[in-house]
Protein backbone atom coordinates (compact mmCIF):
# COMPACT_ATOMS: atom_id res chain seq x y z
CA MET A 1 0.00 0.00 0.00
CA SER A 2 1.03 3.53 -0.64
CA GLU A 3 -0.40 6.78 0.54
CA ALA A 4 -2.60 8.62 -1.89
CA PRO A 5 -2.08 12.38 -1.80
CA GLU A 6 -4.98 14.77 -1.93
CA GLY A 7 -5.64 16.42 -5.23
CA PRO A 8 -7.93 16.72 -8.22
CA GLY A 9 -8.98 13.67 -10.17
CA PRO A 10 -11.87 11.22 -10.18
CA GLU A 11 -14.81 12.01 -7.93
CA TRP A 12 -14.60 10.92 -4.30
CA LEU A 13 -17.48 8.70 -3.17
CA LEU A 14 -18.91 8.02 0.28
CA LEU A 15 -20.04 4.72 1.73
CA HIS A 16 -23.78 4.08 1.86
CA PRO A 17 -25.54 6.15 4.58
CA ARG A 18 -27.18 3.01 6.00
CA THR A 19 -23.69 1.89 7.04
CA VAL A 20 -24.11 3.90 10.24
CA LEU A 21 -27.45 2.25 11.01
CA VAL A 22 -26.09 -1.27 10.43
CA ARG A 23 -23.12 -0.72 12.70
CA VAL A 24 -25.22 0.86 15.43
CA VAL A 25 -27.74 -1.99 15.34
CA LEU A 26 -24.91 -4.51 15.61
CA PHE A 27 -23.37 -2.65 18.55
CA ALA A 28 -26.78 -2.43 20.21
CA GLY A 29 -27.09 -6.21 20.00
CA VAL A 30 -23.72 -6.61 21.70
CA LEU A 31 -24.78 -4.19 24.45
CA ALA A 32 -28.05 -6.02 24.96
CA GLY A 33 -26.22 -9.32 25.31
CA ALA A 34 -23.90 -7.86 27.95
CA ALA A 35 -26.59 -5.88 29.79
CA LEU A 36 -28.56 -8.82 31.17
CA PRO A 37 -25.76 -10.62 33.05
CA THR A 38 -24.35 -7.26 34.18
CA GLY A 39 -27.72 -6.25 35.63
CA PHE A 40 -28.08 -9.46 37.61
CA ALA A 41 -24.50 -9.15 38.83
CA LEU A 42 -25.17 -5.62 40.17
CA ALA A 43 -28.47 -6.70 41.75
CA GLY A 44 -26.62 -8.59 44.47
CA SER A 45 -25.98 -5.40 46.49
CA ARG A 46 -29.00 -3.25 45.49
CA PRO A 47 -32.62 -3.61 44.33
CA LEU A 48 -33.12 -5.23 40.93
CA TRP A 49 -34.86 -2.19 39.40
CA GLN A 50 -32.04 0.08 40.52
CA ALA A 51 -29.35 -2.22 39.07
CA PHE A 52 -31.07 -2.35 35.70
CA ALA A 53 -31.63 1.41 35.76
CA TRP A 54 -27.88 1.92 36.04
CA VAL A 55 -27.31 -0.62 33.28
CA ALA A 56 -29.87 1.10 31.05
CA ALA A 57 -28.18 4.45 31.60
CA GLY A 58 -24.80 2.97 30.70
CA VAL A 59 -26.21 1.32 27.58
CA THR A 60 -27.81 4.59 26.49
CA LEU A 61 -24.57 6.53 26.88
CA ALA A 62 -22.56 3.85 25.07
CA LEU A 63 -25.07 3.75 22.24
CA ALA A 64 -25.04 7.54 21.88
CA ALA A 65 -21.24 7.54 21.77
CA ASP A 66 -21.28 4.81 19.12
CA VAL A 67 -23.77 6.76 16.98
CA ALA A 68 -21.51 9.83 17.12
CA ALA A 69 -18.37 7.82 16.36
CA GLU A 70 -19.94 5.95 13.44
CA THR A 71 -21.30 9.18 11.99
CA VAL A 72 -17.84 10.76 12.08
CA ARG A 73 -16.29 7.63 10.60
CA TYR A 74 -18.86 7.62 7.79
CA ARG A 75 -18.20 11.26 6.91
CA ARG A 76 -14.42 10.77 6.96
CA THR A 77 -14.44 7.63 4.81
CA ARG A 78 -14.33 8.09 1.06
CA TYR A 79 -13.01 6.20 -1.93
CA ARG A 80 -12.47 6.64 -5.64
CA VAL A 81 -11.48 4.55 -8.64
CA GLY A 82 -9.18 6.22 -11.12
CA PRO A 83 -9.55 5.33 -14.80
CA GLU A 84 -6.96 2.91 -16.09
CA ARG A 85 -6.67 4.43 -19.58
CA ARG A 86 -6.79 8.00 -20.75
CA GLU A 87 -9.65 9.19 -22.92
CA THR A 88 -7.27 9.27 -25.89
CA GLY A 89 -6.80 5.50 -25.52
CA VAL A 90 -3.14 5.80 -24.48
CA PRO A 91 -2.32 3.30 -21.74
CA PRO A 92 -1.01 4.76 -18.46
CA ALA A 93 2.40 3.19 -19.06
CA GLU A 94 2.81 5.24 -22.21
CA GLY A 95 1.06 8.49 -21.30
CA TRP A 96 1.41 8.71 -17.58
CA GLY A 97 3.83 11.57 -17.33
CA ARG A 98 2.09 14.19 -19.46
CA SER A 99 -1.21 14.88 -21.16
CA GLU A 100 -1.74 16.19 -24.67
CA THR A 101 -1.70 19.74 -23.27
CA GLY A 102 1.54 19.12 -21.40
CA VAL A 103 -0.23 19.21 -18.00
CA PRO A 104 0.55 16.34 -15.61
CA PRO A 105 -2.38 13.94 -15.18
CA ALA A 106 -4.72 14.26 -12.21
CA GLU A 107 -4.16 12.32 -9.02
CA GLY A 108 -5.90 8.96 -8.81
CA TRP A 109 -5.23 7.81 -12.37
CA GLY A 110 -4.87 4.04 -12.43
CA ARG A 111 -5.43 3.56 -8.69
CA VAL A 112 -8.14 2.63 -6.21
CA GLU A 113 -7.88 4.91 -3.19
CA LEU A 114 -9.43 4.76 0.26
CA HIS A 115 -9.26 7.49 2.90
CA THR A 116 -10.63 6.64 6.33
CA GLY A 117 -9.97 6.92 10.04
CA LEU A 118 -11.73 8.13 13.17
CA LEU A 119 -8.90 9.64 15.20
CA VAL A 120 -5.97 8.77 12.92
CA ALA A 121 -6.43 9.38 9.21
CA GLN A 122 -5.40 6.52 6.94
CA ARG A 123 -4.73 6.94 3.23
CA ARG A 124 -4.24 3.82 1.19
CA SER A 125 -4.31 2.92 -2.47
CA LEU A 126 -3.84 0.00 -4.83
CA ALA A 127 -2.61 0.12 -8.41
CA ARG A 128 -5.38 -1.23 -10.63
CA GLU A 129 -3.05 -3.49 -12.59
CA ARG A 130 -2.23 -5.35 -9.34
CA ILE A 131 -5.86 -6.11 -8.44
CA ARG A 132 -6.67 -9.81 -8.71
CA SER A 133 -9.97 -10.21 -6.84
CA VAL A 134 -13.07 -8.24 -5.90
CA ASP A 135 -15.23 -10.19 -3.46
CA LEU A 136 -18.67 -9.24 -2.16
CA THR A 137 -19.95 -10.52 1.20
CA ALA A 138 -23.05 -9.74 3.20
CA ASN A 139 -24.20 -11.17 6.52
CA PRO A 140 -27.95 -11.44 7.28
CA LEU A 141 -28.18 -7.95 8.81
CA GLN A 142 -26.37 -6.38 5.88
CA ARG A 143 -28.60 -8.24 3.43
CA VAL A 144 -31.70 -6.84 5.14
CA PHE A 145 -30.43 -3.32 4.44
CA GLY A 146 -29.30 -4.16 0.89
CA LEU A 147 -25.61 -3.57 1.59
CA VAL A 148 -22.42 -5.54 0.89
CA LYS A 149 -18.80 -5.44 1.97
CA VAL A 150 -16.43 -5.09 -0.97
CA ARG A 151 -12.98 -6.57 -0.53
CA ILE A 152 -10.44 -5.61 -3.19
CA GLY A 153 -7.27 -7.70 -3.09
CA THR A 154 -4.02 -8.23 -4.96
CA GLY A 155 -3.55 -11.85 -3.87
CA GLU A 156 0.07 -11.12 -2.90
CA HIS A 157 2.18 -11.69 0.19
CA THR A 158 4.24 -8.65 1.06
CA SER A 159 6.58 -8.01 3.96
CA GLY A 160 5.23 -4.53 4.61
CA GLY A 161 1.82 -2.95 4.29
CA GLU A 162 -1.54 -4.38 3.38
CA THR A 163 -2.59 -5.88 0.09
CA THR A 164 -6.34 -5.35 0.36
CA LEU A 165 -8.88 -2.56 0.57
CA GLU A 166 -12.27 -3.06 2.23
CA LEU A 167 -15.27 -0.87 1.55
CA ASP A 168 -17.57 -1.44 4.50
CA LEU A 169 -20.39 -0.97 3.37
CA VAL A 170 -21.82 0.01 -0.05
CA ALA A 171 -25.05 -0.73 -1.92
CA ARG A 172 -25.13 -4.08 -3.75
CA ALA A 173 -25.46 -2.35 -7.11
CA GLU A 174 -22.36 -0.28 -6.35
CA GLY A 175 -20.47 -3.42 -5.35
CA GLU A 176 -21.38 -5.11 -8.63
CA ARG A 177 -20.31 -2.01 -10.53
CA LEU A 178 -16.94 -1.95 -8.81
CA ARG A 179 -16.36 -5.64 -9.47
CA HIS A 180 -17.18 -5.29 -13.15
CA GLU A 181 -15.04 -2.18 -13.55
CA LEU A 182 -11.98 -3.52 -11.72
CA LEU A 183 -11.91 -7.06 -13.10
CA SER A 184 -12.99 -6.63 -16.71
CA ARG A 185 -10.54 -3.86 -17.60
CA ALA A 186 -8.30 -6.06 -19.74
CA ALA A 187 -10.19 -9.29 -19.97
CA THR A 188 -10.99 -10.64 -23.41
CA VAL A 189 -12.99 -13.62 -24.57
CA PRO A 190 -11.29 -15.88 -27.15
CA GLU A 191 -12.71 -15.51 -30.64
CA GLY A 192 -15.65 -17.80 -31.28
CA GLN A 193 -16.25 -18.46 -27.58
CA GLY A 194 -19.14 -16.69 -25.94
CA HIS A 195 -20.29 -16.49 -22.37
CA ASP A 196 -22.09 -19.38 -20.71
CA ASP A 197 -25.08 -18.67 -18.52
CA ALA A 198 -23.97 -21.18 -15.88
CA LEU A 199 -21.31 -23.85 -15.65
CA ALA A 200 -22.82 -25.40 -12.51
CA VAL A 201 -25.75 -24.70 -10.21
CA LEU A 202 -26.72 -26.19 -6.86
CA ASP A 203 -28.05 -29.73 -6.85
CA PRO A 204 -29.57 -30.44 -3.40
CA ARG A 205 -28.45 -34.07 -3.69
CA TRP A 206 -24.84 -32.93 -3.23
CA ILE A 207 -25.52 -32.47 0.46
CA ARG A 208 -25.21 -36.24 0.95
CA TYR A 209 -21.44 -35.88 0.72
CA ALA A 210 -21.24 -33.47 3.68
CA PRO A 211 -21.35 -36.12 6.47
CA VAL A 212 -18.52 -38.18 4.90
CA SER A 213 -16.03 -35.31 5.03
CA PHE A 214 -13.38 -35.04 7.72
CA LEU A 215 -15.33 -32.09 9.09
CA ALA A 216 -18.02 -34.33 10.64
CA PRO A 217 -15.84 -36.11 13.26
CA ALA A 218 -14.01 -32.83 13.94
CA LEU A 219 -17.31 -31.09 14.67
CA GLY A 220 -18.41 -34.01 16.84
CA GLY A 221 -15.24 -33.82 18.92
CA ALA A 222 -15.59 -30.04 19.19
CA ALA A 223 -19.19 -30.42 20.40
CA ALA A 224 -18.14 -32.92 23.08
CA GLY A 225 -15.33 -30.64 24.19
CA ALA A 226 -17.68 -27.66 24.30
CA VAL A 227 -20.12 -29.54 26.56
CA MET A 228 -17.35 -30.39 29.00
CA GLN A 229 -15.92 -26.87 28.91
CA VAL A 230 -19.26 -25.16 29.54
CA SER A 231 -20.10 -27.59 32.36
CA GLU A 232 -16.72 -26.77 33.94
CA TRP A 233 -17.51 -23.03 33.81
CA PHE A 234 -20.66 -23.66 35.84
CA GLY A 235 -18.96 -26.16 38.14
CA ALA A 236 -21.13 -29.01 36.87
CA GLN A 237 -18.59 -31.13 35.02
CA GLY A 238 -18.72 -33.85 37.66
CA GLU A 239 -22.52 -33.99 37.43
CA VAL A 240 -22.33 -34.33 33.64
CA ILE A 241 -19.85 -37.21 33.90
CA ASP A 242 -22.00 -38.91 36.56
CA TRP A 243 -25.13 -38.50 34.39
CA ILE A 244 -23.36 -40.13 31.44
CA GLY A 245 -22.13 -42.92 33.72
CA ASP A 246 -25.66 -43.57 34.95
CA ARG A 247 -26.92 -43.94 31.39
CA PHE A 248 -24.30 -46.63 30.67
CA GLN A 249 -24.00 -48.30 34.05
CA ASP A 250 -25.07 -51.69 32.66
CA VAL A 251 -22.86 -51.43 29.55
CA SER A 252 -19.23 -52.55 29.30
CA VAL A 253 -16.50 -49.93 28.91
CA PRO A 254 -15.64 -50.77 25.24
CA TRP A 255 -19.29 -50.54 24.20
CA THR A 256 -19.71 -47.33 26.19
CA ILE A 257 -16.78 -45.77 24.35
CA THR A 258 -18.15 -47.02 21.03
CA ALA A 259 -21.58 -45.56 21.75
CA LEU A 260 -20.15 -42.17 22.75
CA VAL A 261 -17.98 -42.07 19.62
CA LEU A 262 -20.99 -42.89 17.45
CA LEU A 263 -23.05 -40.22 19.22
CA ALA A 264 -20.33 -37.61 18.68
CA THR A 265 -20.05 -38.66 15.03
CA LEU A 266 -23.83 -38.29 14.60
CA VAL A 267 -23.73 -34.81 16.16
CA GLY A 268 -20.80 -33.94 13.90
CA ALA A 269 -22.68 -35.19 10.83
CA VAL A 270 -25.64 -32.95 11.69
CA GLY A 271 -23.25 -30.04 12.19
CA ALA A 272 -21.55 -30.79 8.85
CA LEU A 273 -24.95 -30.73 7.12
CA GLY A 274 -25.75 -27.34 8.65
CA LEU A 275 -22.35 -25.92 7.75
CA TRP A 276 -22.69 -27.21 4.19
CA LEU A 277 -26.06 -25.46 3.85
CA GLU A 278 -24.57 -22.22 5.13
CA MET A 279 -21.57 -22.41 2.78
CA TRP A 280 -23.07 -23.77 -0.44
CA TRP A 281 -26.75 -22.87 -0.54
CA ASN A 282 -27.64 -20.71 -3.58
CA TYR A 283 -24.41 -21.94 -5.22
CA ARG A 284 -23.81 -20.93 -8.82
CA LEU A 285 -20.67 -21.07 -10.97
CA GLU A 286 -20.89 -18.94 -14.09
CA ARG A 287 -18.71 -17.41 -16.74
CA ALA A 288 -19.53 -13.73 -16.39
CA PRO A 289 -19.09 -11.02 -19.04
CA GLY A 290 -15.57 -9.62 -19.07
CA GLY A 291 -13.78 -12.98 -18.97
CA THR A 292 -14.30 -13.86 -15.31
CA LEU A 293 -15.47 -16.93 -13.44
CA ARG A 294 -17.90 -16.07 -10.66
CA VAL A 295 -18.81 -18.28 -7.72
CA SER A 296 -21.87 -17.19 -5.73
CA ARG A 297 -22.91 -19.07 -2.60
CA GLY A 298 -24.13 -18.74 0.98
CA LEU A 299 -27.36 -19.14 2.93
CA LEU A 300 -27.09 -16.59 5.75
CA THR A 301 -23.86 -14.88 4.71
CA ALA A 302 -23.90 -14.40 0.93
CA ARG A 303 -20.55 -14.50 -0.82
CA SER A 304 -19.60 -13.78 -4.42
CA VAL A 305 -16.04 -14.44 -5.59
CA SER A 306 -14.73 -13.54 -9.05
CA LEU A 307 -11.65 -14.94 -10.77
CA ALA A 308 -10.25 -13.55 -14.02
CA GLU A 309 -9.84 -16.40 -16.51
CA ARG A 310 -6.51 -15.02 -17.69
CA ARG A 311 -5.20 -15.79 -14.17
CA LEU A 312 -6.28 -19.44 -14.38
CA ARG A 313 -3.38 -21.88 -14.76
CA GLY A 314 -5.17 -25.14 -14.15
CA ILE A 315 -7.51 -27.08 -11.93
CA GLU A 316 -7.15 -29.31 -8.86
CA LEU A 317 -9.55 -32.22 -8.30
CA VAL A 318 -9.55 -33.05 -4.57
CA GLN A 319 -10.87 -36.30 -3.09
CA PRO A 320 -10.73 -36.71 0.69
CA LEU A 321 -10.96 -40.36 1.71
CA GLY A 322 -14.64 -40.42 2.67
CA VAL A 323 -15.69 -38.40 -0.35
CA ARG A 324 -13.60 -40.61 -2.67
CA MET A 325 -15.19 -43.77 -1.26
CA CYS A 326 -18.54 -42.33 -2.35
CA GLY A 327 -17.24 -41.66 -5.88
CA ALA A 328 -17.18 -37.88 -5.50
CA ALA A 329 -14.69 -35.03 -5.74
CA ARG A 330 -14.47 -31.26 -5.42
CA LEU A 331 -12.77 -28.70 -7.66
CA ASP A 332 -10.29 -25.98 -6.75
CA ALA A 333 -8.80 -23.37 -9.05
CA VAL A 334 -5.06 -23.20 -9.67
CA ALA A 335 -4.63 -19.51 -10.40
CA THR A 336 -2.33 -16.59 -9.80
CA GLY A 337 -3.40 -13.90 -7.37
CA LEU A 338 -5.23 -16.18 -4.91
CA ALA A 339 -2.79 -15.94 -1.99
CA GLN A 340 -4.52 -16.40 1.36
CA ASP A 341 -3.44 -13.31 3.25
CA ASP A 342 -4.31 -12.62 6.87
CA GLY A 343 -7.20 -10.42 5.92
CA ASP A 344 -9.18 -13.23 4.33
CA ARG A 345 -11.73 -14.29 6.92
CA HIS A 346 -14.33 -15.66 4.53
CA GLY A 347 -13.00 -19.05 3.56
CA ASP A 348 -11.03 -20.37 0.66
CA LEU A 349 -11.09 -18.26 -2.48
CA LYS A 350 -10.06 -21.11 -4.76
CA ASN A 351 -13.14 -23.34 -4.24
CA LEU A 352 -15.02 -23.70 -7.52
CA LEU A 353 -17.25 -26.69 -6.79
CA PRO A 354 -18.27 -28.58 -3.63
CA ALA A 355 -18.02 -32.35 -3.41
CA VAL A 356 -20.07 -33.76 -6.31
CA GLU A 357 -20.16 -36.92 -8.43
CA ARG A 358 -16.83 -37.51 -10.14
CA ALA A 359 -18.40 -37.34 -13.60
CA VAL A 360 -19.92 -33.94 -12.78
CA ALA A 361 -16.58 -32.68 -11.45
CA ASP A 362 -14.79 -33.74 -14.63
CA ARG A 363 -17.46 -32.10 -16.81
CA VAL A 364 -17.26 -28.80 -14.93
CA ALA A 365 -13.44 -28.92 -15.01
CA ALA A 366 -13.54 -29.27 -18.80
CA GLN A 367 -15.93 -26.32 -19.09
CA VAL A 368 -13.83 -24.14 -16.80
CA LEU A 369 -10.67 -24.91 -18.79
CA ARG A 370 -12.51 -24.63 -22.15
CA GLU A 371 -11.37 -28.13 -23.08
CA PRO A 372 -13.44 -30.85 -24.82
CA GLU A 373 -12.42 -33.33 -22.09
CA SER A 374 -11.09 -32.72 -18.62
CA PRO A 375 -7.36 -33.40 -18.21
CA THR A 376 -8.11 -34.65 -14.67
CA GLY A 377 -9.71 -37.71 -16.25
CA ALA A 378 -6.74 -38.58 -18.47
CA SER A 379 -4.98 -41.94 -18.10
CA LEU A 380 -1.73 -41.56 -16.15
CA ALA A 381 1.55 -43.46 -16.16
CA ALA A 382 2.08 -45.82 -13.22
CA HIS A 383 5.12 -45.49 -10.97
CA PRO A 384 7.68 -48.28 -10.46
CA ARG A 385 7.26 -51.01 -7.86
CA ALA A 386 9.98 -49.39 -5.78
CA ALA A 387 7.47 -46.66 -4.94
CA ARG A 388 5.07 -49.30 -3.59
CA THR A 389 7.86 -50.87 -1.52
CA ARG A 390 8.73 -47.51 0.00
CA ARG A 391 5.11 -46.87 1.01
CA LEU A 392 4.73 -50.32 2.52
CA ARG A 393 7.91 -49.78 4.50
CA TRP A 394 6.73 -46.40 5.84
CA ALA A 395 3.31 -47.80 6.73
CA LEU A 396 4.74 -50.79 8.61
CA TRP A 397 7.16 -48.58 10.53
CA GLY A 398 4.31 -46.26 11.48
CA ALA A 399 2.13 -49.17 12.65
CA LEU A 400 4.76 -51.25 14.42
CA LEU A 401 6.52 -48.43 16.27
CA PRO A 402 3.68 -47.83 18.81
CA VAL A 403 3.25 -51.62 19.08
CA ALA A 404 6.93 -51.99 19.99
CA VAL A 405 6.66 -49.19 22.57
CA LEU A 406 3.62 -50.82 24.19
CA ALA A 407 5.35 -54.22 24.19
CA LEU A 408 8.45 -52.75 25.86
CA LEU A 409 6.32 -51.04 28.51
CA GLY A 410 4.48 -54.33 29.03
CA LEU A 411 7.74 -56.12 29.72
CA LEU A 412 8.88 -53.41 32.12
CA ILE A 413 5.63 -52.44 33.86
CA THR A 414 2.65 -54.74 33.46
CA PRO A 415 1.80 -57.70 31.20
CA VAL A 416 -1.56 -56.12 30.41
CA LEU A 417 0.17 -53.82 27.94
CA LEU A 418 1.40 -56.87 26.03
CA TYR A 419 -2.21 -57.76 25.20
CA VAL A 420 -2.84 -54.14 24.22
CA ALA A 421 0.21 -54.25 21.94
CA ALA A 422 -1.01 -57.48 20.33
CA GLY A 423 -4.45 -55.95 19.75
CA CYS A 424 -2.92 -52.83 18.18
CA ALA A 425 -0.77 -54.98 15.89
CA VAL A 426 -3.80 -56.97 14.71
CA VAL A 427 -5.71 -53.77 13.92
CA LEU A 428 -3.00 -51.35 12.77
CA VAL A 429 -0.86 -53.52 10.50
CA PRO A 430 -3.62 -54.52 8.01
CA VAL A 431 -4.95 -50.96 7.95
CA ALA A 432 -1.47 -49.56 7.32
CA VAL A 433 -0.87 -52.04 4.48
CA LEU A 434 -4.21 -51.14 2.86
CA PHE A 435 -3.40 -47.43 3.05
CA ALA A 436 0.08 -48.00 1.60
CA LEU A 437 -1.27 -49.99 -1.35
CA ASP A 438 -3.95 -47.36 -1.95
CA ALA A 439 -1.33 -44.60 -1.84
CA TYR A 440 0.71 -46.45 -4.47
CA ARG A 441 -2.31 -46.94 -6.73
CA GLY A 442 -2.98 -43.23 -6.44
CA LEU A 443 0.41 -42.24 -7.85
CA GLY A 444 0.44 -41.16 -11.47
CA HIS A 445 1.55 -38.52 -13.92
CA GLY A 446 1.08 -37.69 -17.57
CA VAL A 447 0.43 -35.06 -20.22
CA SER A 448 -3.04 -34.24 -21.53
CA GLY A 449 -2.92 -31.72 -24.35
CA ALA A 450 -1.70 -28.40 -22.94
CA TYR A 451 -1.73 -29.70 -19.37
CA LEU A 452 0.68 -31.54 -17.13
CA VAL A 453 -1.21 -33.88 -14.78
CA THR A 454 -0.02 -35.34 -11.49
CA ARG A 455 -1.89 -37.37 -8.86
CA SER A 456 -0.97 -38.51 -5.35
CA GLY A 457 -2.36 -39.02 -1.86
CA THR A 458 -4.65 -41.43 -0.07
CA VAL A 459 -6.24 -39.64 2.89
CA ARG A 460 -6.48 -36.60 0.62
CA ARG A 461 -6.01 -37.56 -3.02
CA ALA A 462 -5.39 -34.64 -5.36
CA THR A 463 -5.21 -34.65 -9.14
CA VAL A 464 -3.66 -31.44 -10.48
CA ALA A 465 -3.91 -30.37 -14.11
CA LEU A 466 -1.39 -27.56 -14.62
CA GLN A 467 -0.82 -25.64 -17.84
CA ARG A 468 2.52 -26.66 -19.27
CA SER A 469 3.14 -23.03 -20.20
CA GLY A 470 2.64 -22.12 -16.52
CA VAL A 471 5.59 -24.26 -15.35
CA ILE A 472 8.53 -21.94 -14.71
CA GLY A 473 11.00 -24.45 -13.31
CA TRP A 474 11.72 -28.01 -12.24
CA THR A 475 13.27 -29.22 -9.01
CA VAL A 476 14.63 -32.78 -9.02
CA LYS A 477 15.18 -34.29 -5.56
CA GLN A 478 16.62 -37.67 -4.66
CA SER A 479 17.31 -38.78 -1.12
CA TYR A 480 19.77 -41.55 -0.21
CA PHE A 481 16.98 -44.12 0.05
CA GLN A 482 15.40 -42.93 -3.20
CA ARG A 483 18.75 -43.27 -4.93
CA ARG A 484 19.05 -46.86 -3.73
CA ALA A 485 15.51 -47.58 -4.95
CA GLY A 486 16.09 -45.90 -8.31
CA VAL A 487 13.32 -43.29 -7.91
CA LEU A 488 13.20 -39.51 -7.55
CA THR A 489 10.75 -36.70 -6.87
CA LEU A 490 10.05 -34.02 -9.47
CA THR A 491 8.57 -30.69 -8.42
CA ALA A 492 6.95 -28.43 -11.00
CA THR A 493 7.32 -24.81 -9.93
CA THR A 494 4.66 -22.31 -10.95
CA ALA A 495 3.48 -18.85 -9.99
CA ALA A 496 -0.06 -20.11 -9.39
CA GLY A 497 -1.86 -22.09 -6.71
CA ALA A 498 0.39 -23.74 -4.13
CA GLY A 499 3.46 -22.65 -6.11
CA ALA A 500 4.85 -26.18 -6.50
CA TYR A 501 3.35 -29.57 -7.38
CA ASP A 502 5.16 -32.86 -6.78
CA ILE A 503 5.48 -36.02 -8.86
CA LEU A 504 6.45 -38.44 -6.11
CA ASP A 505 8.76 -41.43 -6.49
CA ALA A 506 8.88 -41.61 -10.28
CA GLY A 507 11.52 -43.79 -11.93
CA GLU A 508 14.78 -41.94 -12.60
CA SER A 509 14.70 -42.10 -16.39
CA GLN A 510 10.88 -42.05 -16.41
CA GLY A 511 10.70 -38.81 -14.43
CA LEU A 512 13.46 -36.95 -16.27
CA VAL A 513 12.15 -37.89 -19.71
CA PHE A 514 8.64 -36.87 -18.67
CA ALA A 515 9.81 -33.47 -17.42
CA ALA A 516 11.79 -32.87 -20.60
CA GLU A 517 8.84 -33.79 -22.82
CA ALA A 518 6.25 -31.87 -20.79
CA VAL A 519 8.20 -28.59 -20.83
CA PRO A 520 11.09 -29.10 -23.27
CA GLU A 521 12.65 -25.66 -22.93
CA LEU A 522 13.36 -26.08 -19.20
CA LEU A 523 14.99 -29.47 -18.61
CA GLY A 524 15.69 -30.72 -22.13
CA PRO A 525 19.05 -28.95 -22.60
CA PHE A 526 20.39 -30.53 -19.41
CA LEU A 527 19.62 -34.09 -20.50
CA GLU A 528 22.19 -34.16 -23.31
CA PRO A 529 24.91 -36.71 -22.44
CA ALA A 530 27.61 -34.09 -22.71
CA HIS A 531 25.71 -31.62 -20.56
CA MET A 532 24.46 -33.58 -17.54
CA PRO A 533 26.01 -31.83 -14.52
CA GLU A 534 25.95 -33.71 -11.26
CA ALA A 535 24.04 -30.81 -9.72
CA ARG A 536 20.92 -31.61 -11.72
CA VAL A 537 19.82 -33.87 -8.84
CA THR A 538 19.50 -32.41 -5.36
CA ARG A 539 20.39 -35.13 -2.89
CA ARG A 540 19.46 -35.10 0.75
């Protein structure tokens, strides 16, 4: 961010006047929530009516002060959007320093500026060519008043200063105008390709995949922890434990634990369903005019995220274990300018599609990429058996290490732990082997048209289709054990998405030849027999 000096230029605009009302109503709700317990607390030493009279007086004064502060903040907050090109059609880079009359251009050209502050004035601005996203959000109260929060971001990580501007709040029509103006400035649609009305819309049947996500058990555990924490606040944790014990007094301990786990899982599944409704209700993915992809979703808090297609470098098809077992997958965008900075409190910007049937995910991926068939569905080359051996070895080490610890403690402390160790071995070893074999089957890589495709993972399997032109470098890594097994790991470096995507445990010649063929200009020159420096492989 840089300070924007005062001066002539584009017209300064104010936030919507109802901003003050929305903020005051929200503050009044907070005061009302705090007033009741405060009144009862004060009533211990004086009559109840007198305690609440004092509380009412304090609430009135606080509310009056908030009204005054919000009014001042509203009057001191203003913004403007400078035009990116001059009326003569000369881009700012060519005509920035002088106009046709020889007069320097007005302040604000090519920038979005925001001046705000209650006691300390803040002046911030963003260059329009750096803007990567314009997101609109509105909670239920804001939706009642027809207002939205506009968040303008660059999608960058910087060591100093902010990389976003927030207009809190403007009318929805003004938010849509800002989004269209800031994102469609240089976007073009390829010749012969028009705009689609919608690439995907909500299918209520998709909700069946919510309970099989990892979120369900996490929510169940959080609910159980919340019950215990709240009961501890009121000094009733012992009573809660006794009540649960009474319900299961005629049930064995293993079955009691099983029943409680199932109950927590059921509560988590219900919570996952509710969260899914809040996040994905009214979902719509469309290709908007101006060359942007727009995702709209949200039940209570509405959210609209736009992504310029020229920033898209590929797609990531994600399959968590439970979702994959149901034959489903979700889609994420691999794009530049989607860095998750600290100011993003509204979820993941890259989500394009919730968990849906795999066929639907592939169809939407093809439409997003403007390809006849999705590269995420292409057949991939298998990895050598050494990769399977390595995964089996890791899995067995991970399963047998706790078994060995329990067995050692059983020999030193009590024989009971020996039986526990034997039970863990019976359960953990087969599960570890199954996961290792599944992880090996999930490995793959290949080329599909203009895209490099890589797949890996078992608990979270991800298939990434990355534009070959978006690969800016290769990193080849080979540890001591990989060298003995004759495999290596290739990492495709890109300026989009996670920044790097791995091809794990590919054969030595297989991986190098693949990298050279996928992006010939990067690795090809180093594969000539006379030009193969030892440093081409990073060993660790």
